[in-house]
PDB file of N, CA and C in Angstrom:
ATOM      1  N   VAL A   1      51.713 -93.454  43.476  1.00  0.00           N
ATOM      2  CA  VAL A   1      51.719 -91.822  44.423  1.00  0.00           C
ATOM      3  C   VAL A   1      53.595 -91.682  43.933  1.00  0.00           C
ATOM      4  N   GLN A   2      54.606 -90.630  44.003  1.00  0.00           N
ATOM      5  CA  GLN A   2      55.672 -90.557  44.466  1.00  0.00           C
ATOM      6  C   GLN A   2      55.963 -89.244  45.739  1.00  0.00           C
ATOM      7  N   LEU A   3      56.571 -88.866  46.315  1.00  0.00           N
ATOM      8  CA  LEU A   3      57.678 -88.484  46.998  1.00  0.00           C
ATOM      9  C   LEU A   3      59.016 -89.005  46.791  1.00  0.00           C
ATOM     10  N   VAL A   4      59.907 -87.711  46.252  1.00  0.00           N
ATOM     11  CA  VAL A   4      60.717 -87.824  45.268  1.00  0.00           C
ATOM     12  C   VAL A   4      62.046 -86.035  46.291  1.00  0.00           C
ATOM     13  N   GLU A   5      62.477 -86.781  47.223  1.00  0.00           N
ATOM     14  CA  GLU A   5      63.409 -85.569  48.114  1.00  0.00           C
ATOM     15  C   GLU A   5      64.706 -85.296  47.593  1.00  0.00           C
ATOM     16  N   SER A   6      65.445 -83.955  47.496  1.00  0.00           N
ATOM     17  CA  SER A   6      65.870 -83.735  46.978  1.00  0.00           C
ATOM     18  C   SER A   6      66.926 -82.694  48.051  1.00  0.00           C
ATOM     19  N   GLY A   7      68.368 -82.424  47.852  1.00  0.00           N
ATOM     20  CA  GLY A   7      68.704 -81.601  48.612  1.00  0.00           C
ATOM     21  C   GLY A   7      69.602 -82.023  49.732  1.00  0.00           C
ATOM     22  N   GLY A   8      70.038 -82.824  49.612  1.00  0.00           N
ATOM     23  CA  GLY A   8      70.525 -83.490  50.813  1.00  0.00           C
ATOM     24  C   GLY A   8      72.407 -83.319  50.597  1.00  0.00           C
ATOM     25  N   GLY A   9      73.067 -83.894  51.032  1.00  0.00           N
ATOM     26  CA  GLY A   9      74.719 -83.820  50.583  1.00  0.00           C
ATOM     27  C   GLY A   9      75.658 -83.122  52.233  1.00  0.00           C
ATOM     28  N   LEU A  10      76.698 -82.637  51.709  1.00  0.00           N
ATOM     29  CA  LEU A  10      77.982 -83.284  53.157  1.00  0.00           C
ATOM     30  C   LEU A  10      77.878 -81.237  53.483  1.00  0.00           C
ATOM     31  N   VAL A  11      77.814 -80.962  55.109  1.00  0.00           N
ATOM     32  CA  VAL A  11      77.602 -79.641  55.505  1.00  0.00           C
ATOM     33  C   VAL A  11      78.653 -79.330  56.271  1.00  0.00           C
ATOM     34  N   GLN A  12      79.399 -78.464  56.764  1.00  0.00           N
ATOM     35  CA  GLN A  12      80.092 -78.190  57.082  1.00  0.00           C
ATOM     36  C   GLN A  12      79.464 -78.071  59.013  1.00  0.00           C
ATOM     37  N   PRO A  13      79.667 -77.886  60.155  1.00  0.00           N
ATOM     38  CA  PRO A  13      78.684 -77.625  61.155  1.00  0.00           C
ATOM     39  C   PRO A  13      78.358 -75.662  61.273  1.00  0.00           C
ATOM     40  N   GLY A  14      77.271 -75.478  61.766  1.00  0.00           N
ATOM     41  CA  GLY A  14      77.216 -74.120  61.345  1.00  0.00           C
ATOM     42  C   GLY A  14      76.152 -74.100  60.071  1.00  0.00           C
ATOM     43  N   GLY A  15      76.140 -74.838  58.805  1.00  0.00           N
ATOM     44  CA  GLY A  15      75.989 -74.156  57.632  1.00  0.00           C
ATOM     45  C   GLY A  15      74.359 -74.644  57.283  1.00  0.00           C
ATOM     46  N   SER A  16      74.520 -74.548  56.191  1.00  0.00           N
ATOM     47  CA  SER A  16      72.258 -74.425  56.175  1.00  0.00           C
ATOM     48  C   SER A  16      72.746 -75.471  54.629  1.00  0.00           C
ATOM     49  N   LEU A  17      71.726 -75.885  54.995  1.00  0.00           N
ATOM     50  CA  LEU A  17      70.993 -77.636  53.723  1.00  0.00           C
ATOM     51  C   LEU A  17      69.107 -76.183  53.572  1.00  0.00           C
ATOM     52  N   ARG A  18      69.131 -77.009  52.255  1.00  0.00           N
ATOM     53  CA  ARG A  18      67.254 -76.767  51.592  1.00  0.00           C
ATOM     54  C   ARG A  18      66.894 -77.932  51.645  1.00  0.00           C
ATOM     55  N   LEU A  19      66.303 -79.056  51.744  1.00  0.00           N
ATOM     56  CA  LEU A  19      65.949 -80.095  51.635  1.00  0.00           C
ATOM     57  C   LEU A  19      64.547 -79.249  50.747  1.00  0.00           C
ATOM     58  N   SER A  20      64.222 -80.197  50.261  1.00  0.00           N
ATOM     59  CA  SER A  20      62.680 -80.915  48.586  1.00  0.00           C
ATOM     60  C   SER A  20      61.871 -81.547  49.185  1.00  0.00           C
ATOM     61  N   CYS A  21      61.229 -81.778  48.925  1.00  0.00           N
ATOM     62  CA  CYS A  21      59.677 -82.858  48.696  1.00  0.00           C
ATOM     63  C   CYS A  21      59.216 -82.577  47.782  1.00  0.00           C
ATOM     64  N   ALA A  22      58.650 -83.379  46.131  1.00  0.00           N
ATOM     65  CA  ALA A  22      58.328 -83.013  44.993  1.00  0.00           C
ATOM     66  C   ALA A  22      56.739 -84.257  45.318  1.00  0.00           C
ATOM     67  N   ALA A  23      55.793 -84.225  44.959  1.00  0.00           N
ATOM     68  CA  ALA A  23      55.103 -84.956  45.116  1.00  0.00           C
ATOM     69  C   ALA A  23      53.794 -84.381  44.086  1.00  0.00           C
ATOM     70  N   SER A  24      53.490 -86.046  44.113  1.00  0.00           N
ATOM     71  CA  SER A  24      53.174 -86.994  42.980  1.00  0.00           C
ATOM     72  C   SER A  24      51.829 -87.535  43.300  1.00  0.00           C
ATOM     73  N   GLY A  25      50.645 -87.761  42.851  1.00  0.00           N
ATOM     74  CA  GLY A  25      49.913 -88.971  42.867  1.00  0.00           C
ATOM     75  C   GLY A  25      48.597 -88.998  44.033  1.00  0.00           C
ATOM     76  N   PHE A  26      48.381 -87.200  44.550  1.00  0.00           N
ATOM     77  CA  PHE A  26      47.377 -87.605  45.081  1.00  0.00           C
ATOM     78  C   PHE A  26      47.307 -86.366  45.641  1.00  0.00           C
ATOM     79  N   THR A  27      46.003 -85.988  46.420  1.00  0.00           N
ATOM     80  CA  THR A  27      45.743 -84.571  46.539  1.00  0.00           C
ATOM     81  C   THR A  27      46.224 -84.218  47.801  1.00  0.00           C
ATOM     82  N   PHE A  28      47.359 -82.899  47.159  1.00  0.00           N
ATOM     83  CA  PHE A  28      48.546 -82.785  47.720  1.00  0.00           C
ATOM     84  C   PHE A  28      47.541 -82.416  49.011  1.00  0.00           C
ATOM     85  N   SER A  29      46.907 -80.977  49.130  1.00  0.00           N
ATOM     86  CA  SER A  29      47.002 -79.968  49.880  1.00  0.00           C
ATOM     87  C   SER A  29      45.742 -80.876  51.425  1.00  0.00           C
ATOM     88  N   SER A  30      45.356 -81.235  50.968  1.00  0.00           N
ATOM     89  CA  SER A  30      44.356 -81.984  51.782  1.00  0.00           C
ATOM     90  C   SER A  30      45.636 -82.718  53.343  1.00  0.00           C
ATOM     91  N   TYR A  31      46.755 -83.312  52.734  1.00  0.00           N
ATOM     92  CA  TYR A  31      47.759 -84.091  53.098  1.00  0.00           C
ATOM     93  C   TYR A  31      48.638 -83.607  54.558  1.00  0.00           C
ATOM     94  N   ILE A  32      48.277 -83.929  56.231  1.00  0.00           N
ATOM     95  CA  ILE A  32      50.091 -83.792  56.539  1.00  0.00           C
ATOM     96  C   ILE A  32      51.004 -83.967  55.795  1.00  0.00           C
ATOM     97  N   MET A  33      52.183 -82.415  55.926  1.00  0.00           N
ATOM     98  CA  MET A  33      53.146 -83.092  55.475  1.00  0.00           C
ATOM     99  C   MET A  33      54.512 -83.025  56.216  1.00  0.00           C
ATOM    100  N   SER A  34      55.498 -84.244  56.008  1.00  0.00           N
ATOM    101  CA  SER A  34      56.596 -83.760  57.189  1.00  0.00           C
ATOM    102  C   SER A  34      57.605 -84.293  56.875  1.00  0.00           C
ATOM    103  N   TRP A  35      58.800 -83.971  57.590  1.00  0.00           N
ATOM    104  CA  TRP A  35      59.715 -84.409  57.717  1.00  0.00           C
ATOM    105  C   TRP A  35      60.685 -85.652  59.007  1.00  0.00           C
ATOM    106  N   TYR A  36      60.891 -86.339  58.577  1.00  0.00           N
ATOM    107  CA  TYR A  36      60.860 -87.074  59.374  1.00  0.00           C
ATOM    108  C   TYR A  36      62.935 -87.704  59.059  1.00  0.00           C
ATOM    109  N   ARG A  37      63.326 -87.424  60.281  1.00  0.00           N
ATOM    110  CA  ARG A  37      65.257 -88.135  60.193  1.00  0.00           C
ATOM    111  C   ARG A  37      65.104 -89.625  60.533  1.00  0.00           C
ATOM    112  N   GLN A  38      66.302 -90.454  60.213  1.00  0.00           N
ATOM    113  CA  GLN A  38      66.971 -91.574  60.431  1.00  0.00           C
ATOM    114  C   GLN A  38      68.554 -91.870  60.603  1.00  0.00           C
ATOM    115  N   ALA A  39      69.062 -91.957  61.844  1.00  0.00           N
ATOM    116  CA  ALA A  39      69.881 -91.916  62.156  1.00  0.00           C
ATOM    117  C   ALA A  39      70.744 -93.303  62.346  1.00  0.00           C
ATOM    118  N   PRO A  40      71.901 -93.591  62.128  1.00  0.00           N
ATOM    119  CA  PRO A  40      72.417 -94.889  61.939  1.00  0.00           C
ATOM    120  C   PRO A  40      72.044 -95.476  63.947  1.00  0.00           C
ATOM    121  N   GLY A  41      71.681 -96.300  63.197  1.00  0.00           N
ATOM    122  CA  GLY A  41      71.056 -97.674  64.362  1.00  0.00           C
ATOM    123  C   GLY A  41      70.171 -96.497  65.936  1.00  0.00           C
ATOM    124  N   LYS A  42      69.077 -95.118  65.526  1.00  0.00           N
ATOM    125  CA  LYS A  42      68.310 -95.049  65.837  1.00  0.00           C
ATOM    126  C   LYS A  42      67.404 -95.304  65.297  1.00  0.00           C
ATOM    127  N   GLU A  43      65.570 -94.845  65.708  1.00  0.00           N
ATOM    128  CA  GLU A  43      64.815 -95.142  65.252  1.00  0.00           C
ATOM    129  C   GLU A  43      63.895 -93.806  64.470  1.00  0.00           C
ATOM    130  N   ARG A  44      63.911 -93.970  63.340  1.00  0.00           N
ATOM    131  CA  ARG A  44      62.869 -92.600  62.459  1.00  0.00           C
ATOM    132  C   ARG A  44      62.692 -91.395  63.449  1.00  0.00           C
ATOM    133  N   GLU A  45      62.537 -90.681  63.383  1.00  0.00           N
ATOM    134  CA  GLU A  45      61.918 -89.456  64.601  1.00  0.00           C
ATOM    135  C   GLU A  45      61.523 -88.306  63.912  1.00  0.00           C
ATOM    136  N   LEU A  46      60.734 -87.667  64.316  1.00  0.00           N
ATOM    137  CA  LEU A  46      59.812 -86.048  63.495  1.00  0.00           C
ATOM    138  C   LEU A  46      61.371 -85.253  63.603  1.00  0.00           C
ATOM    139  N   VAL A  47      61.281 -84.562  61.789  1.00  0.00           N
ATOM    140  CA  VAL A  47      61.914 -83.058  62.483  1.00  0.00           C
ATOM    141  C   VAL A  47      61.015 -82.221  62.082  1.00  0.00           C
ATOM    142  N   ALA A  48      60.017 -82.592  61.879  1.00  0.00           N
ATOM    143  CA  ALA A  48      58.586 -80.789  61.080  1.00  0.00           C
ATOM    144  C   ALA A  48      57.618 -81.525  60.282  1.00  0.00           C
ATOM    145  N   ALA A  49      56.426 -81.088  61.063  1.00  0.00           N
ATOM    146  CA  ALA A  49      55.655 -80.636  60.212  1.00  0.00           C
ATOM    147  C   ALA A  49      54.523 -80.272  60.069  1.00  0.00           C
ATOM    148  N   ARG A  50      53.586 -79.909  58.676  1.00  0.00           N
ATOM    149  CA  ARG A  50      52.864 -78.688  58.803  1.00  0.00           C
ATOM    150  C   ARG A  50      51.558 -79.274  58.028  1.00  0.00           C
ATOM    151  N   GLY A  51      49.872 -79.295  58.459  1.00  0.00           N
ATOM    152  CA  GLY A  51      49.318 -79.167  58.049  1.00  0.00           C
ATOM    153  C   GLY A  51      48.609 -78.157  56.724  1.00  0.00           C
ATOM    154  N   SER A  52      47.482 -79.025  57.003  1.00  0.00           N
ATOM    155  CA  SER A  52      47.374 -78.502  55.113  1.00  0.00           C
ATOM    156  C   SER A  52      46.791 -77.467  55.499  1.00  0.00           C
ATOM    157  N   VAL A  53      46.178 -76.600  53.896  1.00  0.00           N
ATOM    158  CA  VAL A  53      46.113 -75.194  54.188  1.00  0.00           C
ATOM    159  C   VAL A  53      45.293 -75.351  55.201  1.00  0.00           C
ATOM    160  N   GLY A  54      46.005 -73.662  55.792  1.00  0.00           N
ATOM    161  CA  GLY A  54      45.892 -72.900  57.336  1.00  0.00           C
ATOM    162  C   GLY A  54      46.104 -73.889  58.909  1.00  0.00           C
ATOM    163  N   GLY A  55      46.527 -74.796  57.806  1.00  0.00           N
ATOM    164  CA  GLY A  55      47.228 -75.753  59.335  1.00  0.00           C
ATOM    165  C   GLY A  55      48.126 -75.366  60.478  1.00  0.00           C
ATOM    166  N   PHE A  56      48.585 -76.491  60.765  1.00  0.00           N
ATOM    167  CA  PHE A  56      49.975 -76.195  62.280  1.00  0.00           C
ATOM    168  C   PHE A  56      50.954 -76.178  61.260  1.00  0.00           C
ATOM    169  N   THR A  57      52.303 -75.954  62.305  1.00  0.00           N
ATOM    170  CA  THR A  57      53.627 -76.422  62.072  1.00  0.00           C
ATOM    171  C   THR A  57      54.227 -76.767  63.305  1.00  0.00           C
ATOM    172  N   ASN A  58      54.596 -78.003  63.285  1.00  0.00           N
ATOM    173  CA  ASN A  58      55.435 -78.168  64.146  1.00  0.00           C
ATOM    174  C   ASN A  58      56.559 -78.738  64.126  1.00  0.00           C
ATOM    175  N   TYR A  59      57.347 -78.715  65.365  1.00  0.00           N
ATOM    176  CA  TYR A  59      58.857 -78.952  65.271  1.00  0.00           C
ATOM    177  C   TYR A  59      59.332 -79.904  66.248  1.00  0.00           C
ATOM    178  N   ALA A  60      60.592 -80.588  66.432  1.00  0.00           N
ATOM    179  CA  ALA A  60      61.235 -81.444  67.328  1.00  0.00           C
ATOM    180  C   ALA A  60      62.142 -80.269  68.221  1.00  0.00           C
ATOM    181  N   ASP A  61      61.750 -80.240  69.411  1.00  0.00           N
ATOM    182  CA  ASP A  61      62.196 -80.019  69.967  1.00  0.00           C
ATOM    183  C   ASP A  61      64.284 -79.317  70.342  1.00  0.00           C
ATOM    184  N   SER A  62      64.139 -79.934  69.122  1.00  0.00           N
ATOM    185  CA  SER A  62      66.114 -80.332  69.216  1.00  0.00           C
ATOM    186  C   SER A  62      66.026 -79.520  67.830  1.00  0.00           C
ATOM    187  N   VAL A  63      65.782 -78.985  67.087  1.00  0.00           N
ATOM    188  CA  VAL A  63      65.463 -77.763  65.829  1.00  0.00           C
ATOM    189  C   VAL A  63      64.294 -77.415  66.237  1.00  0.00           C
ATOM    190  N   LYS A  64      63.794 -76.973  66.920  1.00  0.00           N
ATOM    191  CA  LYS A  64      62.774 -75.332  66.779  1.00  0.00           C
ATOM    192  C   LYS A  64      63.538 -73.901  66.748  1.00  0.00           C
ATOM    193  N   GLY A  65      63.473 -73.533  65.801  1.00  0.00           N
ATOM    194  CA  GLY A  65      64.171 -71.817  65.913  1.00  0.00           C
ATOM    195  C   GLY A  65      65.805 -72.082  64.852  1.00  0.00           C
ATOM    196  N   ARG A  66      65.835 -73.004  64.147  1.00  0.00           N
ATOM    197  CA  ARG A  66      66.781 -73.124  63.203  1.00  0.00           C
ATOM    198  C   ARG A  66      65.813 -74.008  61.860  1.00  0.00           C
ATOM    199  N   PHE A  67      65.448 -75.204  62.293  1.00  0.00           N
ATOM    200  CA  PHE A  67      64.600 -75.488  61.414  1.00  0.00           C
ATOM    201  C   PHE A  67      63.069 -74.584  60.768  1.00  0.00           C
ATOM    202  N   THR A  68      62.945 -74.486  59.336  1.00  0.00           N
ATOM    203  CA  THR A  68      61.832 -74.114  59.039  1.00  0.00           C
ATOM    204  C   THR A  68      61.421 -74.783  57.444  1.00  0.00           C
ATOM    205  N   ILE A  69      59.756 -75.471  58.085  1.00  0.00           N
ATOM    206  CA  ILE A  69      59.307 -76.366  57.707  1.00  0.00           C
ATOM    207  C   ILE A  69      57.781 -75.439  55.978  1.00  0.00           C
ATOM    208  N   SER A  70      58.424 -75.652  54.630  1.00  0.00           N
ATOM    209  CA  SER A  70      57.322 -74.721  54.441  1.00  0.00           C
ATOM    210  C   SER A  70      56.592 -76.093  53.127  1.00  0.00           C
ATOM    211  N   ARG A  71      55.283 -75.266  53.184  1.00  0.00           N
ATOM    212  CA  ARG A  71      54.769 -76.244  52.004  1.00  0.00           C
ATOM    213  C   ARG A  71      54.440 -74.958  50.200  1.00  0.00           C
ATOM    214  N   ASP A  72      54.130 -75.267  49.359  1.00  0.00           N
ATOM    215  CA  ASP A  72      53.484 -74.716  48.283  1.00  0.00           C
ATOM    216  C   ASP A  72      52.585 -75.857  47.958  1.00  0.00           C
ATOM    217  N   ASN A  73      51.067 -75.430  48.243  1.00  0.00           N
ATOM    218  CA  ASN A  73      49.507 -76.172  47.371  1.00  0.00           C
ATOM    219  C   ASN A  73      50.174 -75.771  46.044  1.00  0.00           C
ATOM    220  N   ALA A  74      50.113 -74.887  45.718  1.00  0.00           N
ATOM    221  CA  ALA A  74      50.154 -74.912  43.576  1.00  0.00           C
ATOM    222  C   ALA A  74      51.378 -76.188  43.285  1.00  0.00           C
ATOM    223  N   LYS A  75      52.150 -76.412  44.125  1.00  0.00           N
ATOM    224  CA  LYS A  75      53.608 -76.811  43.096  1.00  0.00           C
ATOM    225  C   LYS A  75      53.873 -78.133  43.888  1.00  0.00           C
ATOM    226  N   ASN A  76      52.754 -78.930  44.490  1.00  0.00           N
ATOM    227  CA  ASN A  76      53.148 -79.513  45.263  1.00  0.00           C
ATOM    228  C   ASN A  76      54.798 -79.926  46.048  1.00  0.00           C
ATOM    229  N   THR A  77      54.718 -78.578  46.831  1.00  0.00           N
ATOM    230  CA  THR A  77      56.359 -79.053  47.249  1.00  0.00           C
ATOM    231  C   THR A  77      56.333 -78.931  48.851  1.00  0.00           C
ATOM    232  N   VAL A  78      57.357 -79.694  49.320  1.00  0.00           N
ATOM    233  CA  VAL A  78      57.503 -79.039  50.561  1.00  0.00           C
ATOM    234  C   VAL A  78      58.644 -79.426  51.019  1.00  0.00           C
ATOM    235  N   ASN A  79      59.710 -78.365  51.442  1.00  0.00           N
ATOM    236  CA  ASN A  79      60.228 -77.946  51.873  1.00  0.00           C
ATOM    237  C   ASN A  79      60.876 -77.781  53.284  1.00  0.00           C
ATOM    238  N   LEU A  80      62.235 -78.183  53.168  1.00  0.00           N
ATOM    239  CA  LEU A  80      62.981 -77.780  55.008  1.00  0.00           C
ATOM    240  C   LEU A  80      64.130 -77.238  54.536  1.00  0.00           C
ATOM    241  N   GLN A  81      63.700 -76.253  55.504  1.00  0.00           N
ATOM    242  CA  GLN A  81      65.228 -75.180  55.364  1.00  0.00           C
ATOM    243  C   GLN A  81      65.796 -75.256  56.782  1.00  0.00           C
ATOM    244  N   MET A  82      67.033 -76.066  57.102  1.00  0.00           N
ATOM    245  CA  MET A  82      68.014 -76.069  58.068  1.00  0.00           C
ATOM    246  C   MET A  82      69.549 -75.416  58.018  1.00  0.00           C
ATOM    247  N   ASN A  83      68.826 -74.248  59.058  1.00  0.00           N
ATOM    248  CA  ASN A  83      70.531 -74.301  59.798  1.00  0.00           C
ATOM    249  C   ASN A  83      70.952 -74.210  60.818  1.00  0.00           C
ATOM    250  N   MET A  84      72.170 -73.910  60.899  1.00  0.00           N
ATOM    251  CA  MET A  84      72.505 -73.998  62.045  1.00  0.00           C
ATOM    252  C   MET A  84      73.006 -74.884  62.278  1.00  0.00           C
ATOM    253  N   LEU A  85      73.708 -76.056  60.889  1.00  0.00           N
ATOM    254  CA  LEU A  85      73.774 -77.864  61.587  1.00  0.00           C
ATOM    255  C   LEU A  85      74.275 -78.058  62.405  1.00  0.00           C
ATOM    256  N   LYS A  86      73.915 -79.093  62.801  1.00  0.00           N
ATOM    257  CA  LYS A  86      75.199 -79.547  63.980  1.00  0.00           C
ATOM    258  C   LYS A  86      75.262 -81.394  63.566  1.00  0.00           C
ATOM    259  N   PRO A  87      76.625 -81.441  64.045  1.00  0.00           N
ATOM    260  CA  PRO A  87      76.784 -83.190  63.382  1.00  0.00           C
ATOM    261  C   PRO A  87      76.174 -84.441  63.401  1.00  0.00           C
ATOM    262  N   GLU A  88      74.904 -83.411  65.163  1.00  0.00           N
ATOM    263  CA  GLU A  88      73.760 -84.783  65.154  1.00  0.00           C
ATOM    264  C   GLU A  88      72.740 -84.890  64.381  1.00  0.00           C
ATOM    265  N   ALA A  89      72.837 -83.688  63.994  1.00  0.00           N
ATOM    266  CA  ALA A  89      71.466 -83.888  62.197  1.00  0.00           C
ATOM    267  C   ALA A  89      71.913 -84.654  60.897  1.00  0.00           C
ATOM    268  N   THR A  90      73.651 -85.062  61.802  1.00  0.00           N
ATOM    269  CA  THR A  90      73.623 -86.290  60.112  1.00  0.00           C
ATOM    270  C   THR A  90      72.101 -87.928  60.522  1.00  0.00           C
ATOM    271  N   ALA A  91      72.356 -87.798  58.969  1.00  0.00           N
ATOM    272  CA  ALA A  91      70.942 -88.330  59.168  1.00  0.00           C
ATOM    273  C   ALA A  91      69.869 -89.334  58.082  1.00  0.00           C
ATOM    274  N   VAL A  92      69.379 -89.686  57.691  1.00  0.00           N
ATOM    275  CA  VAL A  92      68.750 -89.823  56.263  1.00  0.00           C
ATOM    276  C   VAL A  92      67.052 -89.260  56.408  1.00  0.00           C
ATOM    277  N   TYR A  93      67.272 -87.843  56.041  1.00  0.00           N
ATOM    278  CA  TYR A  93      65.723 -87.084  55.894  1.00  0.00           C
ATOM    279  C   TYR A  93      64.908 -87.792  55.197  1.00  0.00           C
ATOM    280  N   TYR A  94      64.034 -88.125  55.658  1.00  0.00           N
ATOM    281  CA  TYR A  94      62.215 -88.982  55.076  1.00  0.00           C
ATOM    282  C   TYR A  94      61.649 -87.715  54.880  1.00  0.00           C
ATOM    283  N   CYS A  95      60.193 -87.357  53.800  1.00  0.00           N
ATOM    284  CA  CYS A  95      59.036 -87.041  53.439  1.00  0.00           C
ATOM    285  C   CYS A  95      58.340 -87.725  53.614  1.00  0.00           C
ATOM    286  N   ASN A  96      57.793 -87.094  54.136  1.00  0.00           N
ATOM    287  CA  ASN A  96      55.507 -87.660  54.252  1.00  0.00           C
ATOM    288  C   ASN A  96      54.569 -87.293  54.283  1.00  0.00           C
ATOM    289  N   ALA A  97      53.485 -88.305  53.672  1.00  0.00           N
ATOM    290  CA  ALA A  97      52.756 -87.216  53.312  1.00  0.00           C
ATOM    291  C   ALA A  97      51.561 -87.951  54.116  1.00  0.00           C
ATOM    292  N   ARG A  98      50.871 -87.819  55.018  1.00  0.00           N
ATOM    293  CA  ARG A  98      49.410 -88.731  55.656  1.00  0.00           C
ATOM    294  C   ARG A  98      47.910 -87.687  55.222  1.00  0.00           C
ATOM    295  N   LEU A  99      47.772 -88.393  55.612  1.00  0.00           N
ATOM    296  CA  LEU A  99      45.317 -87.991  55.383  1.00  0.00           C
ATOM    297  C   LEU A  99      45.399 -88.700  56.782  1.00  0.00           C
ATOM    298  N   VAL A 100      44.569 -87.020  57.641  1.00  0.00           N
ATOM    299  CA  VAL A 100      44.703 -87.787  58.751  1.00  0.00           C
ATOM    300  C   VAL A 100      43.321 -88.597  58.859  1.00  0.00           C
ATOM    301  N   GLY A 101      42.672 -89.598  60.039  1.00  0.00           N
ATOM    302  CA  GLY A 101      42.105 -90.257  59.543  1.00  0.00           C
ATOM    303  C   GLY A 101      41.182 -91.682  58.292  1.00  0.00           C
ATOM    304  N   SER A 102      42.572 -91.611  57.850  1.00  0.00           N
ATOM    305  CA  SER A 102      42.395 -92.649  56.630  1.00  0.00           C
ATOM    306  C   SER A 102      44.176 -93.311  56.968  1.00  0.00           C
ATOM    307  N   THR A 103      44.127 -94.451  56.387  1.00  0.00           N
ATOM    308  CA  THR A 103      45.631 -95.311  56.599  1.00  0.00           C
ATOM    309  C   THR A 103      46.081 -94.277  55.142  1.00  0.00           C
ATOM    310  N   PHE A 104      45.953 -93.573  55.055  1.00  0.00           N
ATOM    311  CA  PHE A 104      46.731 -93.384  53.486  1.00  0.00           C
ATOM    312  C   PHE A 104      48.236 -92.611  54.478  1.00  0.00           C
ATOM    313  N   ASN A 105      49.449 -93.277  53.676  1.00  0.00           N
ATOM    314  CA  ASN A 105      51.098 -92.732  54.607  1.00  0.00           C
ATOM    315  C   ASN A 105      51.359 -93.287  53.648  1.00  0.00           C
ATOM    316  N   PHE A 106      52.307 -92.237  53.293  1.00  0.00           N
ATOM    317  CA  PHE A 106      53.240 -92.572  52.069  1.00  0.00           C
ATOM    318  C   PHE A 106      54.884 -92.075  52.293  1.00  0.00           C
ATOM    319  N   TRP A 107      55.840 -92.419  52.041  1.00  0.00           N
ATOM    320  CA  TRP A 107      57.303 -91.697  52.004  1.00  0.00           C
ATOM    321  C   TRP A 107      57.732 -92.191  51.573  1.00  0.00           C
ATOM    322  N   GLY A 108      58.672 -90.681  51.165  1.00  0.00           N
ATOM    323  CA  GLY A 108      59.901 -90.857  50.433  1.00  0.00           C
ATOM    324  C   GLY A 108      61.493 -92.417  50.169  1.00  0.00           C
ATOM    325  N   GLN A 109      61.716 -91.966  49.015  1.00  0.00           N
ATOM    326  CA  GLN A 109      63.004 -92.374  49.300  1.00  0.00           C
ATOM    327  C   GLN A 109      64.550 -92.075  50.421  1.00  0.00           C
ATOM    328  N   GLY A 110      64.589 -91.082  50.675  1.00  0.00           N
ATOM    329  CA  GLY A 110      64.646 -90.404  51.488  1.00  0.00           C
ATOM    330  C   GLY A 110      66.468 -89.588  51.533  1.00  0.00           C
ATOM    331  N   THR A 111      66.808 -88.589  51.497  1.00  0.00           N
ATOM    332  CA  THR A 111      67.834 -88.004  50.987  1.00  0.00           C
ATOM    333  C   THR A 111      68.969 -87.477  52.325  1.00  0.00           C
ATOM    334  N   GLN A 112      70.399 -88.354  51.932  1.00  0.00           N
ATOM    335  CA  GLN A 112      71.220 -88.135  52.982  1.00  0.00           C
ATOM    336  C   GLN A 112      71.885 -87.059  53.162  1.00  0.00           C
ATOM    337  N   VAL A 113      71.802 -86.101  54.237  1.00  0.00           N
ATOM    338  CA  VAL A 113      72.601 -84.910  55.458  1.00  0.00           C
ATOM    339  C   VAL A 113      73.227 -85.670  55.920  1.00  0.00           C
ATOM    340  N   THR A 114      75.205 -84.911  55.303  1.00  0.00           N
ATOM    341  CA  THR A 114      76.128 -85.451  56.844  1.00  0.00           C
ATOM    342  C   THR A 114      76.029 -84.708  57.051  1.00  0.00           C
ATOM    343  N   VAL A 115      77.094 -83.666  58.696  1.00  0.00           N
ATOM    344  CA  VAL A 115      77.404 -82.067  58.918  1.00  0.00           C
ATOM    345  C   VAL A 115      78.267 -83.286  58.689  1.00  0.00           C
ATOM    346  N   SER A 116      79.941 -82.157  59.056  1.00  0.00           N
ATOM    347  CA  SER A 116      81.088 -82.870  59.305  1.00  0.00           C
ATOM    348  C   SER A 116      81.957 -82.294  58.768  1.00  0.00           C
ATOM    349  N   SER A 117      82.548 -81.899  60.114  1.00  0.00           N
ATOM    350  CA  SER A 117      83.934 -80.792  59.467  1.00  0.00           C
ATOM    351  C   SER A 117      85.180 -81.478  58.249  1.00  0.00           C
TER     352      SER A 117
END
């Protein structure tokens, strides 16, 4: 199983970034795909989640209206479009795959996002 994130970097406040996660080694379409983040000294928190085929989307209140999660089950990818970024979004962002009703729960290695002028 592999989850490989990309797209992180340094961006100014108000800017945009698009994170991507390429998945392999499991039945991607069956899994809930999520993005989490962890800022220094803080607990990891859910940013956005997207269900499997025809499933739900869920966003943290702090990112609603600015972030969009999307998935392509044909390409085994999940993306996070982040707009109007704020300094408090600075964190390591992690891709997560979870199969409901099982213990299967996979994490990527993380990608750093820094929002600073």
